N, C-alpha and C. Protein backbone atom coordinates (compact mmCIF):
# COMPACT_ATOMS: atom_id res chain seq x y z
N UNK A 1 -6.63 5.38 38.61
CA UNK A 1 -6.93 5.01 39.97
C UNK A 1 -6.08 5.81 40.96
N UNK A 2 -4.79 6.01 40.64
CA UNK A 2 -3.92 6.79 41.52
C UNK A 2 -4.39 8.24 41.59
N UNK A 3 -4.91 8.75 40.48
CA UNK A 3 -5.39 10.13 40.44
C UNK A 3 -6.60 10.30 41.36
N UNK A 4 -7.50 9.33 41.38
CA UNK A 4 -8.68 9.40 42.25
C UNK A 4 -8.29 9.38 43.72
N UNK A 5 -7.33 8.54 44.10
CA UNK A 5 -6.87 8.48 45.49
C UNK A 5 -6.22 9.80 45.88
N UNK A 6 -5.38 10.33 44.99
CA UNK A 6 -4.71 11.60 45.27
C UNK A 6 -5.74 12.72 45.43
N UNK A 7 -6.73 12.76 44.55
CA UNK A 7 -7.77 13.78 44.61
C UNK A 7 -8.58 13.65 45.90
N UNK A 8 -8.92 12.43 46.29
CA UNK A 8 -9.67 12.19 47.52
C UNK A 8 -8.88 12.65 48.75
N UNK A 9 -7.62 12.30 48.82
CA UNK A 9 -6.76 12.70 49.95
C UNK A 9 -6.61 14.21 49.99
N UNK A 10 -6.47 14.85 48.83
CA UNK A 10 -6.34 16.31 48.78
C UNK A 10 -7.62 16.99 49.27
N UNK A 11 -8.77 16.50 48.87
CA UNK A 11 -10.04 17.09 49.30
C UNK A 11 -10.22 16.93 50.81
N UNK A 12 -9.95 15.76 51.35
CA UNK A 12 -10.06 15.53 52.80
C UNK A 12 -9.11 16.44 53.56
N UNK A 13 -7.89 16.61 53.07
CA UNK A 13 -6.91 17.49 53.72
C UNK A 13 -7.40 18.93 53.73
N UNK A 14 -7.98 19.39 52.62
CA UNK A 14 -8.51 20.76 52.55
C UNK A 14 -9.66 20.96 53.53
N UNK A 15 -10.54 19.98 53.64
CA UNK A 15 -11.67 20.09 54.57
C UNK A 15 -11.17 20.16 56.01
N UNK A 16 -10.25 19.29 56.37
CA UNK A 16 -9.70 19.30 57.73
C UNK A 16 -8.95 20.59 58.03
N UNK A 17 -8.24 21.12 57.04
CA UNK A 17 -7.55 22.40 57.23
C UNK A 17 -8.54 23.53 57.47
N UNK A 18 -9.63 23.55 56.73
CA UNK A 18 -10.66 24.57 56.91
C UNK A 18 -11.29 24.51 58.29
N UNK A 19 -11.58 23.31 58.77
CA UNK A 19 -12.14 23.15 60.11
C UNK A 19 -11.15 23.65 61.15
N UNK A 20 -9.88 23.32 60.99
CA UNK A 20 -8.84 23.75 61.93
C UNK A 20 -8.73 25.27 61.97
N UNK A 21 -8.82 25.92 60.82
CA UNK A 21 -8.73 27.38 60.77
C UNK A 21 -9.92 28.00 61.50
N UNK A 22 -11.13 27.46 61.30
CA UNK A 22 -12.32 28.00 61.99
C UNK A 22 -12.19 27.86 63.49
N UNK A 23 -11.74 26.72 63.97
CA UNK A 23 -11.61 26.50 65.41
C UNK A 23 -10.57 27.44 66.00
N UNK A 24 -9.44 27.60 65.33
CA UNK A 24 -8.39 28.48 65.85
C UNK A 24 -8.81 29.94 65.82
N UNK A 25 -9.59 30.35 64.84
CA UNK A 25 -10.06 31.73 64.77
C UNK A 25 -10.97 32.05 65.96
N UNK A 26 -11.87 31.14 66.30
CA UNK A 26 -12.77 31.36 67.44
C UNK A 26 -12.01 31.42 68.75
N UNK A 27 -11.01 30.58 68.95
CA UNK A 27 -10.25 30.61 70.21
C UNK A 27 -9.40 31.87 70.28
N UNK A 28 -8.92 32.38 69.14
CA UNK A 28 -8.15 33.62 69.14
C UNK A 28 -9.03 34.79 69.55
N UNK A 29 -10.29 34.82 69.09
CA UNK A 29 -11.21 35.89 69.49
C UNK A 29 -11.43 35.89 70.99
N UNK A 30 -11.64 34.70 71.58
CA UNK A 30 -11.86 34.61 73.02
C UNK A 30 -10.63 35.09 73.77
N UNK A 31 -9.44 34.70 73.31
CA UNK A 31 -8.21 35.13 73.98
C UNK A 31 -8.02 36.63 73.88
N UNK A 32 -8.33 37.22 72.72
CA UNK A 32 -8.15 38.67 72.58
C UNK A 32 -9.17 39.42 73.43
N UNK A 33 -10.40 38.87 73.59
CA UNK A 33 -11.38 39.50 74.48
C UNK A 33 -10.90 39.48 75.92
N UNK A 34 -10.34 38.36 76.36
CA UNK A 34 -9.82 38.27 77.73
C UNK A 34 -8.65 39.23 77.92
N UNK A 35 -7.79 39.34 76.92
CA UNK A 35 -6.66 40.26 77.00
C UNK A 35 -7.15 41.70 77.11
N UNK A 36 -8.16 42.06 76.33
CA UNK A 36 -8.71 43.42 76.38
C UNK A 36 -9.33 43.70 77.75
N UNK A 37 -10.03 42.73 78.33
CA UNK A 37 -10.60 42.91 79.67
C UNK A 37 -9.49 43.14 80.70
N UNK A 38 -8.41 42.38 80.60
CA UNK A 38 -7.30 42.54 81.54
C UNK A 38 -6.63 43.90 81.39
N UNK A 39 -6.46 44.36 80.16
CA UNK A 39 -5.84 45.67 79.94
C UNK A 39 -6.74 46.77 80.51
N UNK A 40 -8.05 46.68 80.28
CA UNK A 40 -8.97 47.67 80.84
C UNK A 40 -8.96 47.65 82.36
N UNK A 41 -8.87 46.47 82.95
CA UNK A 41 -8.84 46.38 84.41
C UNK A 41 -7.59 47.04 84.97
N UNK A 42 -6.46 46.87 84.30
CA UNK A 42 -5.21 47.49 84.76
C UNK A 42 -5.28 49.00 84.57
N UNK A 43 -5.78 49.45 83.42
CA UNK A 43 -5.79 50.88 83.12
C UNK A 43 -6.83 51.65 83.93
N UNK A 44 -8.00 51.08 84.12
CA UNK A 44 -9.10 51.82 84.74
C UNK A 44 -9.54 51.26 86.09
N UNK A 45 -8.76 50.42 86.68
CA UNK A 45 -9.19 49.76 87.91
C UNK A 45 -10.02 48.53 87.55
N UNK A 46 -10.64 47.95 88.53
CA UNK A 46 -11.39 46.73 88.29
C UNK A 46 -12.82 46.97 87.81
N UNK A 47 -13.22 48.20 87.58
CA UNK A 47 -14.57 48.48 87.11
C UNK A 47 -14.76 47.94 85.70
N UNK A 48 -16.02 47.67 85.35
CA UNK A 48 -16.30 47.17 84.01
C UNK A 48 -17.68 47.65 83.57
N UNK A 49 -17.91 47.58 82.27
CA UNK A 49 -19.19 47.98 81.70
C UNK A 49 -19.90 46.73 81.21
N UNK A 50 -21.18 46.58 81.56
CA UNK A 50 -21.95 45.44 81.09
C UNK A 50 -23.41 45.82 80.95
N UNK A 51 -24.01 45.45 79.85
CA UNK A 51 -25.43 45.64 79.59
C UNK A 51 -25.84 47.11 79.70
N UNK A 52 -24.96 48.00 79.22
CA UNK A 52 -25.26 49.43 79.20
C UNK A 52 -25.05 50.16 80.51
N UNK A 53 -24.44 49.51 81.49
CA UNK A 53 -24.23 50.14 82.79
C UNK A 53 -22.77 49.96 83.21
N UNK A 54 -22.23 50.98 83.86
CA UNK A 54 -20.87 50.92 84.39
C UNK A 54 -20.93 50.34 85.80
N UNK A 55 -20.21 49.25 86.03
CA UNK A 55 -20.19 48.59 87.34
C UNK A 55 -18.87 48.93 88.02
N UNK A 56 -18.95 49.66 89.11
CA UNK A 56 -17.76 50.14 89.83
C UNK A 56 -17.44 49.18 90.97
N UNK A 57 -16.28 48.55 90.91
CA UNK A 57 -15.91 47.59 91.94
C UNK A 57 -15.04 48.20 93.03
N UNK A 58 -14.72 49.48 92.92
CA UNK A 58 -13.80 50.09 93.89
C UNK A 58 -14.46 51.14 94.77
N UNK A 59 -15.66 51.59 94.43
CA UNK A 59 -16.32 52.65 95.19
C UNK A 59 -16.78 52.12 96.55
N UNK A 60 -16.55 52.89 97.60
CA UNK A 60 -17.01 52.52 98.94
C UNK A 60 -18.35 53.16 99.23
N UNK A 61 -19.18 52.47 99.95
CA UNK A 61 -20.50 52.99 100.32
C UNK A 61 -20.54 53.26 101.82
N UNK A 62 -21.43 54.13 102.21
CA UNK A 62 -21.52 54.49 103.61
C UNK A 62 -22.34 53.49 104.42
N UNK A 63 -23.06 52.58 103.76
CA UNK A 63 -23.79 51.55 104.49
C UNK A 63 -22.81 50.56 105.10
N UNK A 64 -23.21 49.85 106.12
CA UNK A 64 -22.31 48.95 106.82
C UNK A 64 -21.66 47.91 105.93
N UNK A 65 -22.41 47.29 105.03
CA UNK A 65 -21.87 46.25 104.17
C UNK A 65 -21.93 46.73 102.72
N UNK A 66 -20.84 46.59 102.02
CA UNK A 66 -20.77 47.01 100.62
C UNK A 66 -21.05 45.81 99.72
N UNK A 67 -21.31 46.08 98.44
CA UNK A 67 -21.58 45.03 97.48
C UNK A 67 -20.60 45.14 96.33
N UNK A 68 -20.11 44.02 95.89
CA UNK A 68 -19.14 44.02 94.79
C UNK A 68 -19.75 43.30 93.59
N UNK A 69 -19.84 43.97 92.42
CA UNK A 69 -20.37 43.32 91.23
C UNK A 69 -19.34 42.38 90.60
N UNK A 70 -19.80 41.21 90.18
CA UNK A 70 -18.94 40.23 89.54
C UNK A 70 -19.65 39.74 88.28
N UNK A 71 -18.94 39.71 87.14
CA UNK A 71 -19.49 39.23 85.88
C UNK A 71 -19.29 37.72 85.81
N UNK A 72 -20.39 36.97 85.70
CA UNK A 72 -20.33 35.50 85.67
C UNK A 72 -21.07 34.98 84.44
N UNK A 73 -20.76 33.74 84.07
CA UNK A 73 -21.43 33.08 82.95
C UNK A 73 -22.78 32.54 83.41
N UNK A 74 -23.75 32.51 82.49
CA UNK A 74 -25.07 31.97 82.78
C UNK A 74 -25.65 31.41 81.48
N UNK A 75 -26.83 30.82 81.56
CA UNK A 75 -27.49 30.26 80.39
C UNK A 75 -28.76 31.05 80.09
N UNK A 76 -28.89 31.48 78.84
CA UNK A 76 -30.07 32.22 78.40
C UNK A 76 -30.98 31.26 77.65
N UNK A 77 -32.27 31.25 77.99
CA UNK A 77 -33.25 30.41 77.32
C UNK A 77 -34.30 31.31 76.67
N UNK A 78 -34.55 31.11 75.37
CA UNK A 78 -35.54 31.91 74.66
C UNK A 78 -36.48 31.00 73.89
N UNK A 79 -37.64 31.54 73.55
CA UNK A 79 -38.59 30.81 72.73
C UNK A 79 -39.68 30.14 73.54
N UNK A 80 -40.71 29.65 72.85
CA UNK A 80 -41.80 28.95 73.54
C UNK A 80 -41.31 27.62 74.12
N UNK A 81 -42.06 27.07 75.06
CA UNK A 81 -41.61 25.88 75.79
C UNK A 81 -41.38 24.67 74.88
N UNK A 82 -42.10 24.57 73.78
CA UNK A 82 -41.92 23.41 72.90
C UNK A 82 -40.74 23.58 71.94
N UNK A 83 -40.16 24.79 71.84
CA UNK A 83 -39.05 25.03 70.91
C UNK A 83 -38.07 26.00 71.53
N UNK A 84 -37.54 25.68 72.69
CA UNK A 84 -36.65 26.59 73.39
C UNK A 84 -35.22 26.47 72.86
N UNK A 85 -34.57 27.62 72.80
CA UNK A 85 -33.16 27.67 72.46
C UNK A 85 -32.39 28.13 73.69
N UNK A 86 -31.27 27.48 73.96
CA UNK A 86 -30.43 27.91 75.08
C UNK A 86 -29.05 28.23 74.53
N UNK A 87 -28.46 29.29 75.06
CA UNK A 87 -27.12 29.67 74.68
C UNK A 87 -26.44 30.34 75.86
N UNK A 88 -25.12 30.42 75.79
CA UNK A 88 -24.34 30.96 76.89
C UNK A 88 -24.42 32.48 76.92
N UNK A 89 -24.59 33.03 78.11
CA UNK A 89 -24.62 34.47 78.30
C UNK A 89 -23.82 34.86 79.52
N UNK A 90 -23.97 36.09 79.95
CA UNK A 90 -23.30 36.58 81.15
C UNK A 90 -24.26 37.47 81.93
N UNK A 91 -24.02 37.58 83.23
CA UNK A 91 -24.79 38.50 84.06
C UNK A 91 -23.91 38.98 85.20
N UNK A 92 -24.32 40.07 85.81
CA UNK A 92 -23.60 40.62 86.96
C UNK A 92 -24.31 40.15 88.22
N UNK A 93 -23.54 39.55 89.14
CA UNK A 93 -24.09 39.16 90.43
C UNK A 93 -23.48 40.06 91.51
N UNK A 94 -24.17 40.19 92.61
CA UNK A 94 -23.72 41.05 93.70
C UNK A 94 -23.14 40.20 94.82
N UNK A 95 -21.89 40.43 95.17
CA UNK A 95 -21.20 39.72 96.24
C UNK A 95 -20.73 40.72 97.28
N UNK A 96 -20.35 40.25 98.44
CA UNK A 96 -19.83 41.15 99.47
C UNK A 96 -18.53 41.77 99.02
N UNK A 97 -18.34 43.03 99.32
CA UNK A 97 -17.14 43.76 98.94
C UNK A 97 -17.51 45.17 98.54
N UNK A 98 -16.56 45.89 97.97
CA UNK A 98 -16.81 47.27 97.54
C UNK A 98 -17.49 47.28 96.17
N UNK A 99 -18.21 48.34 95.87
CA UNK A 99 -18.79 48.48 94.54
C UNK A 99 -20.19 49.05 94.57
N UNK A 100 -20.79 49.17 93.40
CA UNK A 100 -22.11 49.80 93.29
C UNK A 100 -23.19 48.81 92.92
N UNK A 101 -23.12 47.60 93.41
CA UNK A 101 -24.06 46.55 93.01
C UNK A 101 -25.12 46.34 94.08
N UNK A 102 -26.35 46.75 93.80
CA UNK A 102 -27.47 46.49 94.70
C UNK A 102 -28.39 45.43 94.12
N UNK A 103 -28.62 45.48 92.80
CA UNK A 103 -29.49 44.53 92.12
C UNK A 103 -28.71 43.93 90.96
N UNK A 104 -28.67 42.60 90.88
CA UNK A 104 -27.92 41.98 89.79
C UNK A 104 -28.63 42.16 88.46
N UNK A 105 -27.87 42.02 87.37
CA UNK A 105 -28.43 42.22 86.04
C UNK A 105 -29.09 40.94 85.54
N UNK A 106 -29.84 41.06 84.48
CA UNK A 106 -30.44 39.89 83.84
C UNK A 106 -29.37 39.16 83.03
N UNK A 107 -29.61 37.91 82.74
CA UNK A 107 -28.68 37.11 81.94
C UNK A 107 -28.89 37.43 80.46
N UNK A 108 -27.87 37.99 79.80
CA UNK A 108 -27.95 38.32 78.38
C UNK A 108 -26.66 37.89 77.70
N UNK A 109 -26.66 37.94 76.40
CA UNK A 109 -25.43 37.64 75.66
C UNK A 109 -24.91 38.87 74.94
N UNK A 110 -25.27 40.06 75.40
CA UNK A 110 -24.81 41.30 74.75
C UNK A 110 -23.46 41.71 75.27
């Protein structure tokens, strides 16, 4: 009887440890992505690349009002209406300021 209790507790501990490792691995990836974005912003200015295009946040335009591209989170929905899947994505929006943003990008998860 003691062996069964010990075995049960050991199995539960292993399962919880595995879940904890998976959760920590995912949060580490997000943190390293944010760190890489910050390093690129410091090294190359605030410009960034998204969806195959380079978005320049520092370039000035000769038109009266400039546009500044900003990368924001959005929701992507795919599939037919009776079986839609939604997941988190990102898109570039155009705000007032310097930059090369005239038309915002589509919401994607690439």
